C-alpha cells in the first residue's frame, strides 16, 4: 500500500510506502492540516494490484474516485443534488465535484479503510457509479 498527496507547504508530492491500513485515519488528518488556494489536497491510496482510491475533502464533505485493478473508474454518489460544489486540490490542479457526488467525510474515511484492507471501495454507506 502506498499513499500520496500534494504537500503545498513543501511544493512537492509526498509519498508514504508500506504502511498498514490502520494509518488511513492519520493520513487523512495530515491532508486536513494542509491547504492551498485550491483547498485541501487529495489523498490517493494505491494498492499493488494497480487499484486506487482518491479521497478529496473540504473537511466535512468528500468526493471519492475508485479505479479497480482493470482500470475501470467509478465516482461516489451523494444523497442530494442540493448544495454547493466542492473545490479541492488534485495534485496542484484546481478541481471541483458537484454536490450530487459528495458524501460525508466520516463515510469517506470508512470507505478508505475498507479499500486499504480489502482492495474494494464498497461499503453500505457509500455508493459508486461508473465514470
N, C-alpha and C. Protein backbone atom coordinates (compact mmCIF):
# COMPACT_ATOMS: atom_id res chain seq x y z
N UNK A 1 0.85 -1.18 0.00
CA UNK A 1 0.00 0.00 0.00
C UNK A 1 0.89 1.23 0.00
N UNK A 2 0.52 2.15 -0.87
CA UNK A 2 1.19 3.44 -0.92
C UNK A 2 0.13 4.52 -0.79
N UNK A 3 0.52 5.65 -0.28
CA UNK A 3 -0.36 6.80 -0.21
C UNK A 3 0.42 8.01 -0.70
N UNK A 4 -0.26 8.91 -1.39
CA UNK A 4 0.41 10.13 -1.84
C UNK A 4 -0.57 11.29 -1.78
N UNK A 5 0.00 12.49 -1.67
CA UNK A 5 -0.77 13.73 -1.65
C UNK A 5 0.19 14.86 -2.00
N UNK A 6 -0.36 15.98 -2.41
CA UNK A 6 0.46 17.14 -2.72
C UNK A 6 0.68 17.96 -1.45
N UNK A 7 1.91 18.12 -1.06
CA UNK A 7 2.25 18.92 0.12
C UNK A 7 2.50 20.35 -0.36
N UNK A 8 1.51 21.20 -0.19
CA UNK A 8 1.60 22.57 -0.69
C UNK A 8 2.64 23.40 0.07
N UNK A 9 2.96 23.02 1.30
CA UNK A 9 3.97 23.75 2.07
C UNK A 9 5.38 23.51 1.51
N UNK A 10 5.63 22.30 1.07
CA UNK A 10 6.93 21.95 0.50
C UNK A 10 6.93 22.00 -1.01
N UNK A 11 5.76 22.23 -1.61
CA UNK A 11 5.60 22.28 -3.06
C UNK A 11 6.13 21.00 -3.73
N UNK A 12 5.67 19.84 -3.17
CA UNK A 12 6.08 18.55 -3.72
C UNK A 12 5.04 17.50 -3.38
N UNK A 13 5.10 16.40 -4.11
CA UNK A 13 4.22 15.27 -3.82
C UNK A 13 4.87 14.43 -2.73
N UNK A 14 4.11 14.20 -1.67
CA UNK A 14 4.59 13.35 -0.58
C UNK A 14 4.08 11.94 -0.83
N UNK A 15 4.94 10.97 -0.61
CA UNK A 15 4.54 9.58 -0.80
C UNK A 15 4.92 8.78 0.43
N UNK A 16 3.99 7.95 0.87
CA UNK A 16 4.19 7.08 2.02
C UNK A 16 4.08 5.66 1.49
N UNK A 17 5.06 4.82 1.82
CA UNK A 17 5.11 3.46 1.30
C UNK A 17 5.10 2.45 2.45
N UNK A 18 4.46 1.28 2.18
CA UNK A 18 4.48 0.15 3.12
C UNK A 18 3.89 0.49 4.49
N UNK A 19 2.76 1.06 4.50
CA UNK A 19 2.06 1.31 5.75
C UNK A 19 0.89 0.35 5.86
N UNK A 20 0.34 0.27 7.05
CA UNK A 20 -0.81 -0.61 7.27
C UNK A 20 -2.09 0.17 7.07
N UNK A 21 -3.19 -0.55 6.92
CA UNK A 21 -4.48 0.09 6.71
C UNK A 21 -4.88 0.96 7.90
N UNK A 22 -4.35 0.68 9.06
CA UNK A 22 -4.67 1.47 10.24
C UNK A 22 -4.20 2.90 10.17
N UNK A 23 -3.28 3.18 9.23
CA UNK A 23 -2.75 4.53 9.10
C UNK A 23 -3.64 5.46 8.28
N UNK A 24 -4.70 4.96 7.68
CA UNK A 24 -5.55 5.77 6.81
C UNK A 24 -6.06 7.01 7.55
N UNK A 25 -6.51 6.85 8.78
CA UNK A 25 -7.02 8.00 9.55
C UNK A 25 -5.95 9.05 9.76
N UNK A 26 -4.72 8.62 10.02
CA UNK A 26 -3.65 9.60 10.23
C UNK A 26 -3.28 10.30 8.92
N UNK A 27 -3.35 9.57 7.79
CA UNK A 27 -3.07 10.21 6.50
C UNK A 27 -4.12 11.27 6.19
N UNK A 28 -5.38 10.97 6.50
CA UNK A 28 -6.45 11.96 6.28
C UNK A 28 -6.22 13.17 7.17
N UNK A 29 -5.81 12.94 8.42
CA UNK A 29 -5.53 14.04 9.34
C UNK A 29 -4.43 14.95 8.78
N UNK A 30 -3.43 14.37 8.14
CA UNK A 30 -2.34 15.15 7.55
C UNK A 30 -2.87 16.06 6.44
N UNK A 31 -3.67 15.52 5.52
CA UNK A 31 -4.16 16.36 4.42
C UNK A 31 -5.13 17.43 4.92
N UNK A 32 -5.81 17.17 6.03
CA UNK A 32 -6.69 18.20 6.59
C UNK A 32 -5.91 19.37 7.17
N UNK A 33 -4.66 19.14 7.52
CA UNK A 33 -3.81 20.21 8.04
C UNK A 33 -3.20 21.06 6.93
N UNK A 34 -3.25 20.55 5.71
CA UNK A 34 -2.67 21.26 4.56
C UNK A 34 -3.78 21.91 3.75
N UNK A 35 -3.49 23.07 3.21
CA UNK A 35 -4.46 23.73 2.36
C UNK A 35 -3.75 24.76 1.48
N UNK A 36 -4.27 24.92 0.29
CA UNK A 36 -3.77 25.94 -0.64
C UNK A 36 -4.97 26.75 -1.10
N UNK A 37 -4.76 27.61 -2.07
CA UNK A 37 -5.89 28.37 -2.63
C UNK A 37 -6.93 27.43 -3.23
N UNK A 38 -6.50 26.23 -3.59
CA UNK A 38 -7.39 25.24 -4.19
C UNK A 38 -8.09 24.39 -3.14
N UNK A 39 -7.74 24.52 -1.89
CA UNK A 39 -8.34 23.72 -0.83
C UNK A 39 -7.40 22.64 -0.34
N UNK A 40 -7.96 21.64 0.34
CA UNK A 40 -7.16 20.53 0.86
C UNK A 40 -6.68 19.65 -0.28
N UNK A 41 -5.50 19.05 -0.12
CA UNK A 41 -5.02 18.14 -1.17
C UNK A 41 -5.76 16.81 -1.15
N UNK A 42 -5.83 16.19 -2.30
CA UNK A 42 -6.41 14.85 -2.43
C UNK A 42 -5.43 13.83 -1.87
N UNK A 43 -5.96 12.86 -1.14
CA UNK A 43 -5.18 11.73 -0.67
C UNK A 43 -5.45 10.57 -1.61
N UNK A 44 -4.40 10.03 -2.21
CA UNK A 44 -4.58 8.90 -3.12
C UNK A 44 -3.94 7.66 -2.52
N UNK A 45 -4.75 6.61 -2.39
CA UNK A 45 -4.28 5.32 -1.89
C UNK A 45 -4.08 4.39 -3.08
N UNK A 46 -2.93 3.73 -3.14
CA UNK A 46 -2.59 2.87 -4.27
C UNK A 46 -2.21 1.48 -3.76
N UNK A 47 -2.83 0.46 -4.35
CA UNK A 47 -2.52 -0.92 -3.98
C UNK A 47 -1.61 -1.54 -5.03
N UNK A 48 -0.95 -2.63 -4.65
CA UNK A 48 -0.01 -3.30 -5.55
C UNK A 48 -0.69 -3.86 -6.80
N UNK A 49 -2.00 -4.12 -6.75
CA UNK A 49 -2.72 -4.67 -7.91
C UNK A 49 -3.09 -3.59 -8.93
N UNK A 50 -2.72 -2.33 -8.67
CA UNK A 50 -3.00 -1.23 -9.58
C UNK A 50 -4.27 -0.46 -9.27
N UNK A 51 -5.05 -0.94 -8.32
CA UNK A 51 -6.27 -0.21 -7.96
C UNK A 51 -5.92 0.99 -7.09
N UNK A 52 -6.80 1.99 -7.11
CA UNK A 52 -6.55 3.19 -6.32
C UNK A 52 -7.86 3.79 -5.83
N UNK A 53 -7.75 4.56 -4.78
CA UNK A 53 -8.88 5.32 -4.25
C UNK A 53 -8.39 6.72 -3.95
N UNK A 54 -9.00 7.72 -4.58
CA UNK A 54 -8.66 9.12 -4.33
C UNK A 54 -9.74 9.71 -3.45
N UNK A 55 -9.32 10.31 -2.34
CA UNK A 55 -10.24 10.93 -1.39
C UNK A 55 -9.94 12.42 -1.37
N UNK A 56 -10.92 13.22 -1.78
CA UNK A 56 -10.80 14.68 -1.78
C UNK A 56 -11.82 15.22 -0.79
N UNK A 57 -11.47 16.24 -0.03
CA UNK A 57 -12.37 16.73 1.00
C UNK A 57 -12.24 18.23 1.23
N UNK A 58 -13.30 18.79 1.78
CA UNK A 58 -13.26 20.18 2.24
C UNK A 58 -13.25 20.23 3.76
N UNK A 59 -13.14 19.08 4.40
CA UNK A 59 -13.11 18.99 5.85
C UNK A 59 -14.38 18.42 6.45
N UNK A 60 -15.48 18.48 5.70
CA UNK A 60 -16.73 17.88 6.18
C UNK A 60 -17.37 16.99 5.12
N UNK A 61 -17.19 17.36 3.84
CA UNK A 61 -17.71 16.54 2.74
C UNK A 61 -16.54 15.93 1.99
N UNK A 62 -16.82 14.88 1.23
CA UNK A 62 -15.74 14.23 0.49
C UNK A 62 -16.23 13.72 -0.86
N UNK A 63 -15.31 13.61 -1.77
CA UNK A 63 -15.53 13.07 -3.11
C UNK A 63 -14.53 11.94 -3.29
N UNK A 64 -15.00 10.78 -3.72
CA UNK A 64 -14.16 9.61 -3.88
C UNK A 64 -14.14 9.16 -5.33
N UNK A 65 -12.98 8.75 -5.80
CA UNK A 65 -12.84 8.14 -7.11
C UNK A 65 -12.10 6.82 -6.91
N UNK A 66 -12.74 5.74 -7.32
CA UNK A 66 -12.18 4.39 -7.20
C UNK A 66 -11.84 3.89 -8.59
N UNK A 67 -10.62 3.42 -8.77
CA UNK A 67 -10.20 2.78 -10.01
C UNK A 67 -9.82 1.35 -9.66
N UNK A 68 -10.51 0.40 -10.27
CA UNK A 68 -10.24 -1.00 -9.94
C UNK A 68 -9.00 -1.51 -10.67
N UNK A 69 -8.63 -2.75 -10.42
CA UNK A 69 -7.40 -3.30 -11.00
C UNK A 69 -7.47 -3.46 -12.52
N UNK A 70 -8.66 -3.36 -13.09
CA UNK A 70 -8.83 -3.42 -14.55
C UNK A 70 -8.76 -2.04 -15.19
N UNK A 71 -8.63 -0.99 -14.37
CA UNK A 71 -8.56 0.37 -14.88
C UNK A 71 -9.91 1.04 -15.05
N UNK A 72 -10.98 0.40 -14.57
CA UNK A 72 -12.32 0.99 -14.66
C UNK A 72 -12.49 2.01 -13.54
N UNK A 73 -13.07 3.16 -13.87
CA UNK A 73 -13.18 4.27 -12.92
C UNK A 73 -14.62 4.48 -12.47
N UNK A 74 -14.77 4.75 -11.18
CA UNK A 74 -16.08 4.98 -10.55
C UNK A 74 -15.96 6.16 -9.60
N UNK A 75 -17.03 6.94 -9.47
CA UNK A 75 -17.02 8.05 -8.52
C UNK A 75 -18.17 7.90 -7.52
N UNK A 76 -17.99 8.50 -6.37
CA UNK A 76 -19.01 8.43 -5.32
C UNK A 76 -20.26 9.19 -5.74
N UNK A 77 -21.38 8.77 -5.17
CA UNK A 77 -22.64 9.49 -5.39
C UNK A 77 -23.19 9.88 -4.03
N UNK A 78 -23.71 11.08 -3.95
CA UNK A 78 -24.26 11.57 -2.70
C UNK A 78 -25.76 11.36 -2.65
N UNK A 79 -26.31 11.75 -1.53
CA UNK A 79 -27.75 11.56 -1.33
C UNK A 79 -28.57 12.75 -1.81
N UNK A 80 -27.90 13.83 -2.19
CA UNK A 80 -28.64 15.03 -2.58
C UNK A 80 -27.90 15.79 -3.67
N UNK A 81 -28.64 16.40 -4.55
CA UNK A 81 -28.02 17.24 -5.57
C UNK A 81 -28.07 18.71 -5.14
N UNK A 82 -28.66 18.97 -3.97
CA UNK A 82 -28.71 20.33 -3.44
C UNK A 82 -27.37 20.69 -2.81
N UNK A 83 -27.08 21.95 -2.77
CA UNK A 83 -25.86 22.40 -2.11
C UNK A 83 -24.81 22.83 -3.12
N UNK A 84 -23.73 23.32 -2.56
CA UNK A 84 -22.65 23.85 -3.39
C UNK A 84 -21.67 22.74 -3.76
N UNK A 85 -21.03 22.94 -4.87
CA UNK A 85 -19.98 22.00 -5.28
C UNK A 85 -18.78 22.18 -4.34
N UNK A 86 -17.86 21.25 -4.41
CA UNK A 86 -16.69 21.28 -3.55
C UNK A 86 -15.44 21.46 -4.40
N UNK A 87 -14.60 22.40 -4.01
CA UNK A 87 -13.34 22.66 -4.70
C UNK A 87 -12.23 21.97 -3.90
N UNK A 88 -11.30 21.34 -4.62
CA UNK A 88 -10.19 20.68 -3.95
C UNK A 88 -8.95 20.70 -4.83
N UNK A 89 -7.83 20.38 -4.22
CA UNK A 89 -6.53 20.37 -4.89
C UNK A 89 -6.20 18.94 -5.30
N UNK A 90 -6.28 18.65 -6.59
CA UNK A 90 -5.88 17.33 -7.08
C UNK A 90 -4.48 17.45 -7.66
N UNK A 91 -3.48 17.24 -6.83
CA UNK A 91 -2.08 17.28 -7.23
C UNK A 91 -1.76 18.54 -8.04
N UNK A 92 -2.06 19.68 -7.43
CA UNK A 92 -1.80 21.02 -7.94
C UNK A 92 -2.74 21.46 -9.05
N UNK A 93 -3.84 20.75 -9.23
CA UNK A 93 -4.85 21.16 -10.20
C UNK A 93 -6.12 21.56 -9.47
N UNK A 94 -6.67 22.68 -9.86
CA UNK A 94 -7.93 23.15 -9.31
C UNK A 94 -9.01 22.19 -9.79
N UNK A 95 -9.68 21.51 -8.87
CA UNK A 95 -10.69 20.53 -9.24
C UNK A 95 -11.98 20.81 -8.48
N UNK A 96 -13.07 20.31 -9.02
CA UNK A 96 -14.38 20.58 -8.43
C UNK A 96 -15.27 19.36 -8.60
N UNK A 97 -16.05 19.07 -7.57
CA UNK A 97 -17.01 17.96 -7.62
C UNK A 97 -18.39 18.50 -7.29
N UNK A 98 -19.41 18.10 -8.04
CA UNK A 98 -20.77 18.58 -7.77
C UNK A 98 -21.32 17.99 -6.47
N UNK A 99 -22.25 18.69 -5.86
CA UNK A 99 -22.85 18.25 -4.60
C UNK A 99 -23.45 16.85 -4.72
N UNK A 100 -23.93 16.50 -5.89
CA UNK A 100 -24.56 15.18 -6.08
C UNK A 100 -23.57 14.02 -5.96
N UNK A 101 -22.29 14.31 -5.93
CA UNK A 101 -21.26 13.27 -5.83
C UNK A 101 -20.58 13.24 -4.46
N UNK A 102 -21.03 14.05 -3.54
CA UNK A 102 -20.35 14.19 -2.26
C UNK A 102 -20.98 13.33 -1.17
N UNK A 103 -20.13 12.82 -0.29
CA UNK A 103 -20.55 12.05 0.88
C UNK A 103 -19.91 12.72 2.10
N UNK A 104 -20.30 12.30 3.28
CA UNK A 104 -19.68 12.88 4.47
C UNK A 104 -18.23 12.39 4.60
N UNK A 105 -17.40 13.18 5.25
CA UNK A 105 -16.00 12.79 5.45
C UNK A 105 -15.94 11.50 6.26
N UNK A 106 -16.82 11.33 7.22
CA UNK A 106 -16.86 10.10 8.02
C UNK A 106 -17.11 8.88 7.14
N UNK A 107 -18.06 8.98 6.22
CA UNK A 107 -18.35 7.87 5.30
C UNK A 107 -17.16 7.60 4.38
N UNK A 108 -16.52 8.66 3.92
CA UNK A 108 -15.36 8.51 3.04
C UNK A 108 -14.19 7.86 3.77
N UNK A 109 -14.00 8.22 5.02
CA UNK A 109 -12.92 7.64 5.81
C UNK A 109 -13.15 6.14 6.00
N UNK A 110 -14.38 5.75 6.26
CA UNK A 110 -14.72 4.33 6.38
C UNK A 110 -14.43 3.60 5.07
N UNK A 111 -14.79 4.21 3.97
CA UNK A 111 -14.56 3.63 2.64
C UNK A 111 -13.06 3.46 2.39
N UNK A 112 -12.26 4.44 2.76
CA UNK A 112 -10.81 4.38 2.56
C UNK A 112 -10.20 3.24 3.38
N UNK A 113 -10.69 3.04 4.59
CA UNK A 113 -10.18 1.94 5.42
C UNK A 113 -10.52 0.59 4.79
N UNK A 114 -11.75 0.45 4.28
CA UNK A 114 -12.15 -0.80 3.62
C UNK A 114 -11.27 -1.04 2.39
N UNK A 115 -11.02 0.01 1.62
CA UNK A 115 -10.16 -0.12 0.44
C UNK A 115 -8.76 -0.58 0.84
N UNK A 116 -8.19 0.02 1.87
CA UNK A 116 -6.85 -0.34 2.30
C UNK A 116 -6.78 -1.79 2.76
N UNK A 117 -7.82 -2.26 3.42
CA UNK A 117 -7.84 -3.63 3.94
C UNK A 117 -8.16 -4.68 2.88
N UNK A 118 -9.15 -4.37 2.02
CA UNK A 118 -9.69 -5.38 1.12
C UNK A 118 -9.49 -5.12 -0.36
N UNK A 119 -9.15 -3.89 -0.73
CA UNK A 119 -8.96 -3.58 -2.14
C UNK A 119 -10.24 -3.24 -2.89
N UNK A 120 -11.33 -3.11 -2.16
CA UNK A 120 -12.60 -2.72 -2.77
C UNK A 120 -13.08 -1.45 -2.09
N UNK A 121 -13.88 -0.67 -2.77
CA UNK A 121 -14.38 0.57 -2.20
C UNK A 121 -15.80 0.43 -1.68
N UNK A 122 -16.35 -0.78 -1.77
CA UNK A 122 -17.75 -0.99 -1.39
C UNK A 122 -17.95 -0.92 0.12
N UNK A 123 -18.88 -0.10 0.52
CA UNK A 123 -19.38 -0.08 1.90
C UNK A 123 -20.89 0.08 1.81
N UNK A 124 -21.57 -0.13 2.90
CA UNK A 124 -23.01 0.03 2.91
C UNK A 124 -23.45 1.48 2.85
N UNK A 125 -22.52 2.39 3.09
CA UNK A 125 -22.89 3.81 3.18
C UNK A 125 -22.45 4.65 1.99
N UNK A 126 -21.53 4.14 1.18
CA UNK A 126 -21.03 4.91 0.03
C UNK A 126 -21.33 4.14 -1.25
N UNK A 127 -22.02 4.80 -2.16
CA UNK A 127 -22.35 4.20 -3.46
C UNK A 127 -21.47 4.83 -4.53
N UNK A 128 -21.17 4.02 -5.56
CA UNK A 128 -20.33 4.47 -6.67
C UNK A 128 -21.08 4.24 -7.96
N UNK A 129 -20.79 5.09 -8.96
CA UNK A 129 -21.30 4.88 -10.29
C UNK A 129 -20.14 5.04 -11.27
N UNK A 130 -20.25 4.36 -12.43
CA UNK A 130 -19.14 4.44 -13.41
C UNK A 130 -18.95 5.86 -13.96
N UNK A 131 -17.71 6.17 -14.27
CA UNK A 131 -17.41 7.48 -14.89
C UNK A 131 -17.73 7.41 -16.37
